[in-house]
Amino acid sequence: MARAAIPGRLTWQPATVATTRAETATARTLVLNVDGWTGHLPGQHIDLRLTAPDGYTAYRSYSISSAPGLDRLEVTVQTVPDGEVSPYLVDVAEPGDQFEIRGPLGGWFVRRPADPRPALLIGGGSGVAPLMSMARAAKTPTRLLYSTRSPSDALFSADLATAGAAGDDRVTVTHVYTRVGPPGWPVPPGRLDADALARVAWPREADAVAFVCGPTGFVETVADLLVDIGHDPANIRTERFGPTGG
């Protein structure tokens, strides 16, 4: 997921593309080698900077989609039409290419390992990227509700399809398709509503923490719906994104 990058005091350091993995026709995951990487918390992000041969630089922020503790760092990038950074990362970058990153960044929209509460993760489109890091690192029961236009637009399809396999029920996944569902899908396509949310949300006595990430309108609507069905606003953390120039 891309965000508007915010200048900070962290030091830029080189990152080398190790491998890439296609997620959809317009998104892919880049696996990066970063010497001296100090690790991250699920939900954090990095700034990524490209420098052209003439010295022109452009940078954007991207959520980290890999779990903490891995030797390599993963970011998942969705192409922004006419963007400066995302088209290169999605369509051009290949193993061995190098650019600069700084981070990890962010301390509010994070799932801390010591938090004993169950979690409800709600993502819209590429907003699932930081939630994927949380799901991959889950130590407590976690429910992921993922809203996309169609199955072909869903990121991390292979990983999400195997969630809960081998008897590990820490993470359960529910999909909502807003335009086109898979053949035989039992629920007509439509926007995420209160009924769909209530079927997945933890009961209020569970004192669950909720993380909501996606386009601004989606996030605001979901946050309001969570409050309407009884979630404590203090337990709802949101992160919004929108056009940033890519």
Protein backbone atom coordinates (compact mmCIF):
# COMPACT_ATOMS: atom_id res chain seq x y z
CA MET A 1 0.00 0.00 0.00
CA ALA A 2 1.35 3.44 -0.93
CA ARG A 3 1.14 6.47 1.33
CA ALA A 4 2.27 10.07 1.13
CA ALA A 5 5.85 9.99 2.37
CA ILE A 6 6.70 12.18 5.35
CA PRO A 7 10.27 13.41 5.73
CA GLY A 8 11.93 12.21 8.89
CA ARG A 9 15.29 11.97 10.60
CA LEU A 10 15.97 8.33 9.84
CA THR A 11 18.94 7.46 7.68
CA TRP A 12 18.49 6.26 4.12
CA GLN A 13 20.06 2.85 3.52
CA PRO A 14 20.46 0.70 0.40
CA ALA A 15 17.99 -2.07 -0.38
CA THR A 16 18.49 -4.68 -3.08
CA VAL A 17 15.69 -6.54 -4.84
CA ALA A 18 16.12 -10.26 -4.10
CA THR A 19 13.01 -11.60 -5.80
CA THR A 20 9.61 -10.39 -6.96
CA ARG A 21 6.21 -12.04 -6.86
CA ALA A 22 3.17 -11.06 -8.92
CA GLU A 23 0.04 -10.55 -6.80
CA THR A 24 -2.40 -9.27 -9.47
CA ALA A 25 -2.12 -7.83 -12.96
CA THR A 26 -1.29 -4.45 -11.43
CA ALA A 27 0.47 -5.31 -8.17
CA ARG A 28 3.47 -7.27 -7.01
CA THR A 29 5.50 -7.96 -3.93
CA LEU A 30 9.18 -7.06 -3.82
CA VAL A 31 11.41 -9.06 -1.51
CA LEU A 32 14.29 -6.83 -0.38
CA ASN A 33 17.67 -7.50 1.17
CA VAL A 34 18.61 -4.68 3.56
CA ASP A 35 21.94 -4.89 5.37
CA GLY A 36 21.54 -4.12 9.05
CA TRP A 37 17.74 -4.22 9.00
CA THR A 38 16.61 -3.92 12.62
CA GLY A 39 13.17 -5.47 12.19
CA HIS A 40 9.68 -4.00 12.35
CA LEU A 41 6.30 -4.26 14.04
CA PRO A 42 3.31 -5.54 12.06
CA GLY A 43 1.60 -2.51 10.53
CA GLN A 44 4.69 -0.34 10.08
CA HIS A 45 5.91 1.06 6.77
CA ILE A 46 9.02 2.32 5.02
CA ASP A 47 9.90 5.26 2.79
CA LEU A 48 11.36 4.14 -0.53
CA ARG A 49 13.45 6.49 -2.72
CA LEU A 50 14.41 6.19 -6.38
CA THR A 51 17.16 8.31 -7.93
CA ALA A 52 17.37 8.90 -11.70
CA PRO A 53 20.71 9.11 -13.57
CA ASP A 54 20.31 12.91 -13.73
CA GLY A 55 20.00 13.08 -9.93
CA TYR A 56 16.21 13.57 -9.78
CA THR A 57 14.70 11.75 -6.80
CA ALA A 58 11.19 10.62 -5.94
CA TYR A 59 10.01 8.75 -2.90
CA ARG A 60 6.85 7.18 -1.57
CA SER A 61 5.89 5.22 1.52
CA TYR A 62 4.85 1.58 1.39
CA SER A 63 3.47 -0.72 4.03
CA ILE A 64 5.53 -3.73 5.03
CA SER A 65 3.60 -6.90 4.21
CA SER A 66 6.01 -9.50 5.61
CA ALA A 67 6.00 -10.77 9.18
CA PRO A 68 8.67 -9.47 11.56
CA GLY A 69 11.71 -11.60 12.19
CA LEU A 70 12.35 -12.60 8.60
CA ASP A 71 15.76 -12.09 7.04
CA ARG A 72 14.18 -10.28 4.15
CA LEU A 73 11.73 -7.39 4.00
CA GLU A 74 8.66 -7.47 1.75
CA VAL A 75 6.65 -4.55 0.37
CA THR A 76 3.61 -4.96 -1.84
CA VAL A 77 3.04 -2.25 -4.44
CA GLN A 78 -0.08 -1.40 -6.44
CA THR A 79 0.44 0.55 -9.66
CA VAL A 80 -0.82 4.13 -9.58
CA PRO A 81 -1.60 5.35 -13.13
CA ASP A 82 0.88 8.03 -14.22
CA GLY A 83 2.83 7.53 -10.98
CA GLU A 84 6.52 8.22 -10.64
CA VAL A 85 7.51 5.30 -8.42
CA SER A 86 4.93 2.50 -8.48
CA PRO A 87 5.11 1.71 -12.25
CA TYR A 88 8.84 1.14 -11.95
CA LEU A 89 8.46 -1.09 -8.89
CA VAL A 90 5.63 -3.14 -10.41
CA ASP A 91 6.69 -3.38 -14.06
CA VAL A 92 10.44 -2.73 -14.26
CA ALA A 93 12.37 -3.57 -11.09
CA GLU A 94 14.16 -6.93 -11.16
CA PRO A 95 16.48 -8.91 -8.89
CA GLY A 96 19.73 -7.05 -8.31
CA ASP A 97 18.23 -3.58 -8.69
CA GLN A 98 18.99 -1.25 -5.83
CA PHE A 99 17.31 1.80 -4.32
CA GLU A 100 17.11 3.38 -0.87
CA ILE A 101 14.76 2.94 2.04
CA ARG A 102 14.36 4.33 5.55
CA GLY A 103 12.36 2.95 8.40
CA PRO A 104 10.57 1.23 9.90
CA LEU A 105 8.08 4.04 10.47
CA GLY A 106 4.84 4.31 12.41
CA GLY A 107 3.89 3.57 16.00
CA TRP A 108 0.09 3.87 16.14
CA PHE A 109 -1.25 1.47 13.52
CA VAL A 110 0.74 -1.51 14.79
CA ARG A 111 -0.09 -4.88 16.29
CA ARG A 112 2.24 -5.40 19.23
CA PRO A 113 3.23 -8.99 20.06
CA ALA A 114 2.45 -8.60 23.75
CA ASP A 115 -1.18 -7.54 23.14
CA PRO A 116 -3.31 -10.50 24.34
CA ARG A 117 -6.56 -9.38 22.74
CA PRO A 118 -8.11 -11.01 19.68
CA ALA A 119 -7.86 -8.89 16.55
CA LEU A 120 -10.24 -7.95 13.75
CA LEU A 121 -8.44 -6.83 10.59
CA ILE A 122 -10.51 -5.10 7.91
CA GLY A 123 -8.90 -4.14 4.62
CA GLY A 124 -10.13 -2.50 1.45
CA GLY A 125 -8.13 -3.11 -1.75
CA SER A 126 -4.39 -2.64 -1.26
CA GLY A 127 -5.11 -1.59 2.32
CA VAL A 128 -4.72 -5.25 3.19
CA ALA A 129 -0.89 -4.98 2.94
CA PRO A 130 -0.13 -3.92 6.54
CA LEU A 131 -2.89 -6.24 7.76
CA MET A 132 -1.13 -9.13 6.02
CA SER A 133 1.92 -8.47 8.16
CA MET A 134 -0.33 -8.64 11.23
CA ALA A 135 -1.99 -11.85 10.07
CA ARG A 136 1.32 -13.52 9.30
CA ALA A 137 2.60 -12.64 12.78
CA ALA A 138 -0.64 -13.44 14.65
CA LYS A 139 -0.21 -14.96 18.09
CA THR A 140 -3.82 -14.49 19.21
CA PRO A 141 -7.07 -15.35 17.38
CA THR A 142 -7.36 -13.04 14.37
CA ARG A 143 -10.15 -12.48 11.87
CA LEU A 144 -9.39 -10.83 8.54
CA LEU A 145 -12.21 -9.31 6.51
CA TYR A 146 -11.02 -8.34 3.03
CA SER A 147 -13.09 -6.24 0.60
CA THR A 148 -12.12 -6.18 -3.10
CA ARG A 149 -13.87 -5.54 -6.38
CA SER A 150 -13.37 -9.10 -7.62
CA PRO A 151 -11.20 -12.17 -6.96
CA SER A 152 -8.70 -11.00 -9.59
CA ASP A 153 -8.14 -7.80 -7.60
CA ALA A 154 -7.29 -9.58 -4.34
CA LEU A 155 -3.71 -9.46 -3.11
CA PHE A 156 -2.06 -12.43 -1.35
CA SER A 157 -4.59 -14.88 -2.78
CA ALA A 158 -2.42 -17.96 -2.22
CA ASP A 159 -1.62 -17.08 1.39
CA LEU A 160 -5.20 -16.17 2.22
CA ALA A 161 -6.51 -19.38 0.66
CA THR A 162 -4.38 -21.47 3.03
CA ALA A 163 -5.07 -19.46 6.20
CA GLY A 164 -6.24 -21.84 8.89
CA ALA A 165 -4.75 -24.87 7.14
CA ALA A 166 -3.09 -27.70 9.05
CA GLY A 167 -5.35 -27.13 12.03
CA ASP A 168 -3.99 -23.64 12.78
CA ASP A 169 -7.12 -21.61 13.38
CA ARG A 170 -5.44 -18.44 14.66
CA VAL A 171 -6.34 -16.62 11.43
CA THR A 172 -9.66 -16.89 9.62
CA VAL A 173 -10.38 -15.02 6.38
CA THR A 174 -13.66 -13.69 5.00
CA HIS A 175 -13.96 -12.06 1.57
CA VAL A 176 -16.41 -9.41 0.43
CA TYR A 177 -16.62 -8.74 -3.31
CA THR A 178 -18.13 -5.44 -4.33
CA ARG A 179 -18.54 -6.03 -8.10
CA VAL A 180 -17.91 -9.62 -9.17
CA GLY A 181 -17.75 -12.72 -7.01
CA PRO A 182 -16.29 -16.15 -7.81
CA PRO A 183 -18.52 -18.65 -9.62
CA GLY A 184 -21.07 -20.02 -7.19
CA TRP A 185 -20.23 -17.47 -4.50
CA PRO A 186 -23.16 -17.56 -2.03
CA VAL A 187 -23.25 -13.81 -1.31
CA PRO A 188 -24.28 -11.30 -4.01
CA PRO A 189 -21.57 -8.68 -4.73
CA GLY A 190 -22.01 -5.47 -2.78
CA ARG A 191 -20.31 -3.07 -0.44
CA LEU A 192 -19.34 -4.11 3.06
CA ASP A 193 -22.34 -3.41 5.27
CA ALA A 194 -23.35 -3.75 8.91
CA ASP A 195 -24.75 -7.26 8.48
CA ALA A 196 -21.58 -8.60 6.86
CA LEU A 197 -19.46 -6.92 9.50
CA ALA A 198 -21.56 -8.22 12.37
CA ARG A 199 -21.16 -11.79 11.10
CA VAL A 200 -17.38 -11.54 11.33
CA ALA A 201 -16.78 -9.13 14.22
CA TRP A 202 -15.88 -10.42 17.66
CA PRO A 203 -18.59 -10.10 20.31
CA ARG A 204 -18.18 -6.96 22.38
CA GLU A 205 -17.31 -8.95 25.50
CA ALA A 206 -14.17 -10.20 23.71
CA ASP A 207 -12.66 -6.71 24.01
CA ALA A 208 -11.09 -7.15 20.58
CA VAL A 209 -8.87 -4.60 18.88
CA ALA A 210 -9.77 -3.63 15.31
CA PHE A 211 -7.47 -2.39 12.55
CA VAL A 212 -9.06 -0.84 9.47
CA CYS A 213 -7.05 0.17 6.41
CA GLY A 214 -8.02 1.30 2.92
CA PRO A 215 -9.36 4.29 0.99
CA THR A 216 -10.62 7.14 3.16
CA GLY A 217 -14.31 6.61 2.46
CA PHE A 218 -14.06 2.87 3.15
CA VAL A 219 -12.21 3.39 6.42
CA GLU A 220 -14.61 6.02 7.73
CA THR A 221 -17.65 3.91 6.87
CA VAL A 222 -16.24 0.76 8.48
CA ALA A 223 -15.15 2.61 11.62
CA ASP A 224 -18.66 4.03 12.03
CA LEU A 225 -20.20 0.59 11.49
CA LEU A 226 -17.95 -0.93 14.13
CA VAL A 227 -19.07 1.64 16.66
CA ASP A 228 -22.71 1.08 15.67
CA ILE A 229 -22.46 -2.65 16.42
CA GLY A 230 -20.90 -2.03 19.82
CA HIS A 231 -17.13 -1.79 19.41
CA ASP A 232 -15.35 0.58 21.76
CA PRO A 233 -13.95 3.48 19.66
CA ALA A 234 -10.78 3.32 21.77
CA ASN A 235 -10.14 -0.18 20.36
CA ILE A 236 -10.44 0.86 16.70
CA ARG A 237 -7.30 1.94 14.86
CA THR A 238 -7.55 3.27 11.34
CA GLU A 239 -5.21 4.10 8.50
CA ARG A 240 -6.34 5.88 5.37
CA PHE A 241 -4.73 6.24 1.98
CA GLY A 242 -5.53 7.94 -1.29
CA PRO A 243 -3.88 9.22 -4.46
CA THR A 244 -0.30 10.26 -3.74
CA GLY A 245 1.21 10.46 -7.20
CA GLY A 246 2.44 6.87 -7.00
